[in-house]
Amino acid sequence: MSFDLILPFLRPIADLIQDPDISEIMVNGSGLIFVERHGQLEEVTDVHVDERNLIVAVKNIARALGDDVSEQQPILDSRLPDGSRVAAILPPCSVGGTTLTIRKFQTRFFTAEELVRIGTMTPEVLDQVRTAINQHRNILISGGTSTGKTTLLNALAAFLPTGHRVIVIEDTAELQLDQRNLVRLEARRAQVDLPAVTIRDLLRATLRLRPDRILVGEVRGGEAFDLLQALNTGHSGSLSTIHANSASQALARLASCVVQSAVELPYQAVRYQIADAIDLVLHLGRHDGKRVVEELLKVGRYDSPRDGYESVVLFRSTGIAPDTSEAPEGDRASDISGVIPSVAGRVDGGAVGVADAVTGG
């Protein structure tokens, strides 16, 4: 078991690490300990870790995982063999004491039907997204940290046709797919005697592996440019995730990632490419510890004079305020709750209803 590598150094919190109901353990520099249990943060008041022992533990963990942490290199970001993440920051960068976070690898993923049953998304949203996958639409899943992006991506990937060749690119292998013709690629951090292999490197190589569908675990940087090139040159029907605060802001974040590619493209050209490449944005959020789909956005064409996408809000969860940061004047959805029964915007100059928005009818 992967935790066997670190448990000898973290005896005071060993029970927390081994508790299957706890997904994340956080030791703050102040000495306070918090855990995430069933999506809810809670403080652990009956456990204490001595600062001196914690520093020794972090250094031993780094050594056991083939990394190094010290005053010269005070930040640790390591992975256990099962994919669980161990992150730590030493003083003085961590004010007051050492900060340690252990995020467990998720071993059990929900199916799309189970996500509907527990309230993560509605049956109507699932039907629309499933139709979009079957029609080779490109889908971007957005959300903040720990909102369930990977879980949703894994669930939706089950709808990919069985006869398709699927290539999965991840920073750390997490997705659990049941495709027969499946190629899994994993990035590698730079090591003492080995260069880094980035998501961008793997994405470029993927185009020579004859993919039918490309799944990128998360878009974080310059690989966004290569992804857009792939999506706009015949590799449709792909899925990926990105960190963002709303569906419309996910498009802005994707544009920012393209800029990091160091490829000098005009701002408007980037936005045009995004409009051509991305068909749907599915945004997740957290409410009282529960992960829910907040928005489903159909991306329309980019309107240069108004610097916005003519998009259609297909779904907005009740109580979520509309984000107008990316919508042009006159095309912004009004106060919408649930599945929209009528037109919420305009695409390509024509009115689009909910059914037609996904099917292209």
Protein backbone atom coordinates (compact mmCIF):
# COMPACT_ATOMS: atom_id res chain seq x y z
CA MET A 1 0.00 0.00 0.00
CA SER A 2 1.33 3.46 -0.93
CA PHE A 3 0.70 4.97 2.48
CA ASP A 4 3.12 2.47 3.99
CA LEU A 5 5.88 4.71 2.63
CA ILE A 6 4.86 7.66 4.77
CA LEU A 7 3.01 6.19 7.77
CA PRO A 8 6.24 5.48 9.73
CA PHE A 9 6.95 9.22 9.69
CA LEU A 10 3.43 10.39 10.54
CA ARG A 11 2.31 8.21 13.44
CA PRO A 12 0.21 10.94 15.13
CA ILE A 13 -2.05 11.26 12.07
CA ALA A 14 -1.81 7.66 10.84
CA ASP A 15 -5.45 6.97 11.74
CA LEU A 16 -6.55 9.97 9.68
CA ILE A 17 -4.51 8.84 6.70
CA GLN A 18 -5.99 5.34 6.86
CA ASP A 19 -9.58 6.49 7.39
CA PRO A 20 -11.41 5.67 4.11
CA ASP A 21 -13.97 8.44 4.75
CA ILE A 22 -11.27 11.12 4.76
CA SER A 23 -10.09 12.37 1.37
CA GLU A 24 -7.61 15.03 2.47
CA ILE A 25 -5.52 15.77 5.56
CA MET A 26 -4.20 19.30 6.20
CA VAL A 27 -1.66 20.21 8.87
CA ASN A 28 -1.35 23.99 9.12
CA GLY A 29 1.75 25.90 10.15
CA SER A 30 -0.07 26.89 13.33
CA GLY A 31 -0.27 23.23 14.30
CA LEU A 32 -4.01 22.94 13.71
CA ILE A 33 -5.18 19.90 11.77
CA PHE A 34 -8.12 19.77 9.38
CA VAL A 35 -9.56 16.99 7.23
CA GLU A 36 -12.06 16.74 4.42
CA ARG A 37 -14.66 14.10 5.15
CA HIS A 38 -17.50 13.46 2.69
CA GLY A 39 -16.79 16.83 1.06
CA GLN A 40 -16.91 18.80 4.33
CA LEU A 41 -13.94 20.41 6.09
CA GLU A 42 -13.68 19.71 9.80
CA GLU A 43 -11.07 20.41 12.47
CA VAL A 44 -9.40 17.56 14.34
CA THR A 45 -8.91 18.77 17.89
CA ASP A 46 -7.64 15.61 19.59
CA VAL A 47 -4.50 15.14 17.47
CA HIS A 48 -1.26 17.11 17.67
CA VAL A 49 1.93 16.93 15.62
CA ASP A 50 5.12 18.37 17.08
CA GLU A 51 6.79 20.87 14.74
CA ARG A 52 10.25 19.35 15.01
CA ASN A 53 8.92 15.90 14.30
CA LEU A 54 6.86 17.23 11.40
CA ILE A 55 9.93 18.76 9.72
CA VAL A 56 11.82 15.49 10.09
CA ALA A 57 8.79 13.60 8.76
CA VAL A 58 8.50 15.83 5.69
CA LYS A 59 12.20 15.45 4.89
CA ASN A 60 12.03 11.68 5.32
CA ILE A 61 8.92 11.49 3.14
CA ALA A 62 10.67 13.52 0.43
CA ARG A 63 13.67 11.21 0.57
CA ALA A 64 11.48 8.10 0.44
CA LEU A 65 9.72 9.46 -2.66
CA GLY A 66 12.94 10.43 -4.41
CA ASP A 67 12.55 14.16 -3.83
CA ASP A 68 14.32 16.72 -1.72
CA VAL A 69 13.09 19.44 0.62
CA SER A 70 15.31 21.77 2.62
CA GLU A 71 15.87 25.43 3.46
CA GLN A 72 17.23 25.88 -0.07
CA GLN A 73 14.26 24.02 -1.55
CA PRO A 74 11.40 24.54 0.94
CA ILE A 75 8.54 23.33 -1.29
CA LEU A 76 7.65 19.66 -1.70
CA ASP A 77 5.14 18.42 -4.27
CA SER A 78 5.33 14.64 -4.55
CA ARG A 79 3.16 11.73 -5.53
CA LEU A 80 2.80 8.37 -3.89
CA PRO A 81 2.83 5.32 -6.17
CA ASP A 82 -0.99 5.20 -6.13
CA GLY A 83 -1.27 8.84 -7.22
CA SER A 84 -1.97 10.40 -3.82
CA ARG A 85 -0.37 13.82 -3.48
CA VAL A 86 1.91 14.92 -0.66
CA ALA A 87 2.59 18.67 -0.56
CA ALA A 88 4.55 20.55 2.08
CA ILE A 89 6.14 23.95 2.66
CA LEU A 90 8.83 24.50 5.28
CA PRO A 91 9.44 27.67 7.35
CA PRO A 92 10.13 30.50 6.92
CA CYS A 93 8.10 30.34 3.68
CA SER A 94 5.33 28.72 5.72
CA VAL A 95 4.84 31.25 8.48
CA GLY A 96 4.49 29.80 11.96
CA GLY A 97 5.56 26.25 11.12
CA THR A 98 5.52 23.51 8.52
CA THR A 99 2.42 23.09 6.36
CA LEU A 100 1.57 19.62 5.11
CA THR A 101 -1.29 18.44 2.90
CA ILE A 102 -2.01 14.85 1.88
CA ARG A 103 -4.64 14.41 -0.81
CA LYS A 104 -5.65 10.81 -1.30
CA PHE A 105 -5.99 9.28 -4.72
CA GLN A 106 -9.60 8.58 -5.61
CA THR A 107 -10.00 4.84 -6.11
CA ARG A 108 -13.73 4.81 -6.73
CA PHE A 109 -15.36 6.86 -9.47
CA PHE A 110 -19.08 7.45 -9.93
CA THR A 111 -20.91 6.61 -13.11
CA ALA A 112 -22.89 9.34 -14.84
CA GLU A 113 -26.12 7.76 -13.64
CA GLU A 114 -24.85 7.75 -10.07
CA LEU A 115 -23.93 11.43 -10.38
CA VAL A 116 -27.53 12.11 -11.41
CA ARG A 117 -28.84 10.10 -8.47
CA ILE A 118 -26.75 11.97 -5.89
CA GLY A 119 -27.70 15.32 -7.40
CA THR A 120 -24.46 16.36 -9.09
CA MET A 121 -26.31 16.94 -12.34
CA THR A 122 -29.83 16.68 -13.67
CA PRO A 123 -31.05 13.99 -16.08
CA GLU A 124 -31.64 16.70 -18.69
CA VAL A 125 -28.03 17.88 -18.52
CA LEU A 126 -26.78 14.31 -18.78
CA ASP A 127 -28.92 13.68 -21.86
CA GLN A 128 -27.62 16.81 -23.57
CA VAL A 129 -24.00 16.04 -22.80
CA ARG A 130 -24.33 12.40 -23.86
CA THR A 131 -25.82 13.57 -27.18
CA ALA A 132 -22.94 16.01 -27.61
CA ILE A 133 -20.36 13.25 -27.02
CA ASN A 134 -22.04 11.02 -29.59
CA GLN A 135 -21.95 13.89 -32.08
CA HIS A 136 -18.20 14.45 -31.61
CA ARG A 137 -18.62 17.76 -29.79
CA ASN A 138 -15.63 19.08 -27.84
CA ILE A 139 -16.40 19.53 -24.15
CA LEU A 140 -14.48 21.53 -21.57
CA ILE A 141 -15.21 20.79 -17.90
CA SER A 142 -14.42 23.67 -15.56
CA GLY A 143 -14.50 24.27 -11.83
CA GLY A 144 -12.45 25.12 -8.79
CA THR A 145 -10.25 22.85 -6.72
CA SER A 146 -11.96 19.66 -5.53
CA THR A 147 -15.23 20.33 -7.35
CA GLY A 148 -15.27 16.92 -9.04
CA LYS A 149 -13.89 17.76 -12.50
CA THR A 150 -11.93 14.51 -12.83
CA THR A 151 -14.86 12.48 -11.50
CA LEU A 152 -17.19 14.00 -14.09
CA LEU A 153 -14.65 13.57 -16.88
CA ASN A 154 -14.27 9.91 -15.96
CA ALA A 155 -18.05 9.42 -15.93
CA LEU A 156 -18.59 11.10 -19.30
CA ALA A 157 -15.74 9.16 -20.90
CA ALA A 158 -17.82 6.01 -20.44
CA PHE A 159 -20.05 7.29 -23.27
CA LEU A 160 -17.23 7.25 -25.82
CA PRO A 161 -17.94 4.71 -28.58
CA THR A 162 -16.29 1.37 -27.88
CA GLY A 163 -14.77 1.18 -31.36
CA HIS A 164 -12.87 4.45 -31.01
CA ARG A 165 -9.16 4.77 -30.27
CA VAL A 166 -8.91 6.89 -27.12
CA ILE A 167 -5.71 8.57 -25.94
CA VAL A 168 -5.62 9.91 -22.39
CA ILE A 169 -3.00 12.45 -21.33
CA GLU A 170 -2.61 13.21 -17.63
CA ASP A 171 -0.20 14.84 -15.24
CA THR A 172 -0.84 11.88 -12.92
CA ALA A 173 -2.75 8.83 -14.12
CA GLU A 174 -6.15 9.02 -12.41
CA LEU A 175 -8.86 8.25 -14.94
CA GLN A 176 -10.22 4.71 -14.94
CA LEU A 177 -11.53 3.94 -18.40
CA ASP A 178 -12.86 0.67 -19.76
CA GLN A 179 -11.91 1.23 -23.40
CA ARG A 180 -10.26 -1.64 -25.23
CA ASN A 181 -8.34 0.56 -27.69
CA LEU A 182 -6.91 2.84 -25.02
CA VAL A 183 -3.53 4.57 -24.83
CA ARG A 184 -2.57 6.19 -21.53
CA LEU A 185 0.17 8.80 -21.35
CA GLU A 186 1.54 10.40 -18.19
CA ALA A 187 3.76 13.46 -17.82
CA ARG A 188 7.06 13.28 -15.97
CA ARG A 189 8.63 15.94 -13.81
CA ALA A 190 12.26 16.83 -14.31
CA GLN A 191 14.57 14.63 -12.28
CA VAL A 192 18.26 14.78 -11.49
CA ASP A 193 19.24 12.65 -14.47
CA LEU A 194 16.08 12.90 -16.59
CA PRO A 195 14.42 15.82 -18.38
CA ALA A 196 10.76 16.66 -17.90
CA VAL A 197 8.14 15.29 -20.26
CA THR A 198 5.27 17.76 -20.26
CA ILE A 199 1.59 17.50 -21.13
CA ARG A 200 2.41 19.61 -24.16
CA ASP A 201 5.11 17.16 -25.28
CA LEU A 202 2.68 14.27 -24.97
CA LEU A 203 -0.11 16.13 -26.74
CA ARG A 204 2.12 16.79 -29.73
CA ALA A 205 3.17 13.15 -29.83
CA THR A 206 -0.46 12.06 -29.56
CA LEU A 207 -1.30 13.49 -32.98
CA ARG A 208 1.00 10.86 -34.51
CA LEU A 209 -0.73 8.00 -32.68
CA ARG A 210 -3.94 8.09 -34.73
CA PRO A 211 -6.39 9.17 -32.00
CA ASP A 212 -10.15 9.16 -32.48
CA ARG A 213 -10.67 10.91 -29.17
CA ILE A 214 -8.23 12.85 -27.01
CA LEU A 215 -8.78 13.29 -23.27
CA VAL A 216 -6.55 15.77 -21.43
CA GLY A 217 -6.79 15.45 -17.67
CA GLU A 218 -6.27 19.17 -17.11
CA VAL A 219 -5.22 22.14 -19.22
CA ARG A 220 -2.88 24.37 -17.23
CA GLY A 221 -0.51 26.11 -19.62
CA GLY A 222 0.91 26.22 -23.11
CA GLU A 223 -0.55 22.85 -24.05
CA ALA A 224 -3.81 24.76 -24.59
CA PHE A 225 -2.44 26.00 -27.92
CA ASP A 226 -1.64 22.47 -29.12
CA LEU A 227 -5.03 21.24 -27.93
CA LEU A 228 -6.82 23.93 -29.92
CA GLN A 229 -4.77 23.02 -33.00
CA ALA A 230 -5.78 19.39 -32.60
CA LEU A 231 -9.45 20.18 -32.09
CA ASN A 232 -9.50 22.49 -35.09
CA THR A 233 -7.78 20.00 -37.42
CA GLY A 234 -10.08 17.02 -37.29
CA HIS A 235 -9.68 15.61 -33.78
CA SER A 236 -13.17 16.40 -32.57
CA GLY A 237 -15.10 14.76 -29.76
CA SER A 238 -12.46 15.43 -27.13
CA LEU A 239 -12.83 16.21 -23.43
CA SER A 240 -10.65 18.11 -20.98
CA THR A 241 -10.81 20.03 -17.71
CA ILE A 242 -9.63 23.46 -16.60
CA HIS A 243 -9.66 25.49 -13.39
CA ALA A 244 -12.10 28.41 -13.55
CA ASN A 245 -14.81 30.16 -11.53
CA SER A 246 -17.56 29.93 -14.15
CA ALA A 247 -18.26 28.49 -17.56
CA SER A 248 -17.61 31.78 -19.34
CA GLN A 249 -14.45 32.42 -17.35
CA ALA A 250 -13.20 29.00 -18.42
CA LEU A 251 -12.98 30.38 -21.95
CA ALA A 252 -10.97 33.36 -20.74
CA ARG A 253 -8.70 31.05 -18.75
CA LEU A 254 -8.18 28.87 -21.81
CA ALA A 255 -7.12 31.95 -23.76
CA SER A 256 -4.65 32.83 -21.01
CA CYS A 257 -3.19 29.33 -21.19
CA VAL A 258 -2.72 29.71 -24.95
CA VAL A 259 -0.69 32.86 -24.31
CA GLN A 260 1.65 30.79 -22.12
CA SER A 261 2.58 28.69 -25.16
CA ALA A 262 4.93 31.46 -26.33
CA VAL A 263 3.33 31.25 -29.77
CA GLU A 264 2.68 34.81 -30.83
CA LEU A 265 -0.94 34.87 -31.90
CA PRO A 266 -3.14 37.98 -32.02
CA TYR A 267 -5.60 38.14 -29.16
CA GLN A 268 -8.59 37.94 -31.46
CA ALA A 269 -7.14 34.97 -33.34
CA VAL A 270 -6.94 33.04 -30.07
CA ARG A 271 -10.55 33.83 -29.28
CA TYR A 272 -11.68 32.80 -32.76
CA GLN A 273 -9.86 29.47 -32.39
CA ILE A 274 -11.50 28.83 -29.02
CA ALA A 275 -14.95 29.52 -30.49
CA ASP A 276 -14.22 27.10 -33.33
CA ALA A 277 -12.79 24.38 -31.06
CA ILE A 278 -14.95 24.32 -27.92
CA ASP A 279 -18.61 23.36 -28.24
CA LEU A 280 -19.74 23.00 -24.63
CA VAL A 281 -18.47 24.12 -21.23
CA LEU A 282 -19.74 22.20 -18.22
CA HIS A 283 -19.03 24.06 -14.99
CA LEU A 284 -18.95 22.50 -11.51
CA GLY A 285 -19.15 24.14 -8.11
CA ARG A 286 -19.52 23.22 -4.46
CA HIS A 287 -22.48 24.04 -2.27
CA ASP A 288 -22.48 22.98 1.39
CA GLY A 289 -19.90 20.34 0.57
CA LYS A 290 -21.90 18.98 -2.35
CA ARG A 291 -20.46 19.01 -5.86
CA VAL A 292 -22.97 20.13 -8.47
CA VAL A 293 -23.08 21.15 -12.13
CA GLU A 294 -23.78 24.88 -12.02
CA GLU A 295 -23.79 25.71 -15.72
CA LEU A 296 -23.89 24.15 -19.16
CA LEU A 297 -22.83 26.64 -21.80
CA LYS A 298 -22.93 26.18 -25.57
CA VAL A 299 -20.13 28.24 -27.08
CA GLY A 300 -21.15 30.25 -30.11
CA ARG A 301 -19.07 32.24 -32.52
CA TYR A 302 -16.72 34.97 -31.35
CA ASP A 303 -18.04 38.48 -31.97
CA SER A 304 -14.95 40.63 -32.46
CA PRO A 305 -16.56 44.10 -32.32
CA ARG A 306 -18.13 43.29 -28.96
CA ASP A 307 -15.25 41.05 -27.80
CA GLY A 308 -17.44 38.22 -26.59
CA TYR A 309 -18.81 34.82 -27.50
CA GLU A 310 -22.38 34.54 -28.71
CA SER A 311 -23.12 31.66 -26.37
CA VAL A 312 -26.24 29.96 -25.13
CA VAL A 313 -26.78 29.02 -21.50
CA LEU A 314 -28.38 25.59 -21.71
CA PHE A 315 -28.57 25.13 -17.95
CA ARG A 316 -27.92 27.16 -14.84
CA SER A 317 -28.42 25.78 -11.36
CA THR A 318 -30.98 27.54 -9.21
CA GLY A 319 -29.41 30.28 -7.12
CA ILE A 320 -26.35 30.78 -9.37
CA ALA A 321 -26.04 34.37 -10.55
CA PRO A 322 -25.39 34.81 -14.27
CA ASP A 323 -21.75 35.57 -15.17
CA THR A 324 -21.82 38.31 -17.80
CA SER A 325 -18.06 38.78 -18.07
CA GLU A 326 -17.79 36.97 -21.42
CA ALA A 327 -21.21 37.57 -22.96
CA PRO A 328 -21.70 40.47 -25.39
CA GLU A 329 -24.35 43.07 -24.67
CA GLY A 330 -27.77 41.96 -25.85
CA ASP A 331 -26.85 38.25 -25.75
CA ARG A 332 -26.49 37.77 -22.04
CA ALA A 333 -28.80 35.28 -20.41
CA SER A 334 -31.24 36.73 -17.95
CA ASP A 335 -32.17 35.19 -14.60
CA ILE A 336 -32.39 31.53 -15.50
CA SER A 337 -32.93 28.53 -13.26
CA GLY A 338 -32.89 24.92 -14.39
CA VAL A 339 -33.03 23.85 -18.01
CA ILE A 340 -33.84 26.74 -20.30
CA PRO A 341 -37.09 26.16 -22.16
CA SER A 342 -36.45 28.84 -24.76
CA VAL A 343 -33.78 30.94 -26.39
CA ALA A 344 -31.08 32.28 -24.04
CA GLY A 345 -28.84 33.82 -26.68
CA ARG A 346 -28.00 33.82 -30.37
CA VAL A 347 -25.52 31.69 -32.25
CA ASP A 348 -24.29 32.51 -35.74
CA GLY A 349 -26.95 35.19 -36.03
CA GLY A 350 -29.91 32.86 -35.56
CA ALA A 351 -32.09 31.93 -32.62
CA VAL A 352 -31.23 28.61 -31.03
CA GLY A 353 -33.45 26.61 -28.69
CA VAL A 354 -32.25 24.13 -26.12
CA ALA A 355 -32.64 21.01 -28.25
CA ASP A 356 -31.21 22.60 -31.37
CA ALA A 357 -28.29 24.09 -29.46
CA VAL A 358 -26.76 20.69 -28.83
CA THR A 359 -27.84 18.82 -31.91
CA GLY A 360 -27.00 21.61 -34.28
CA GLY A 361 -30.53 21.46 -35.73
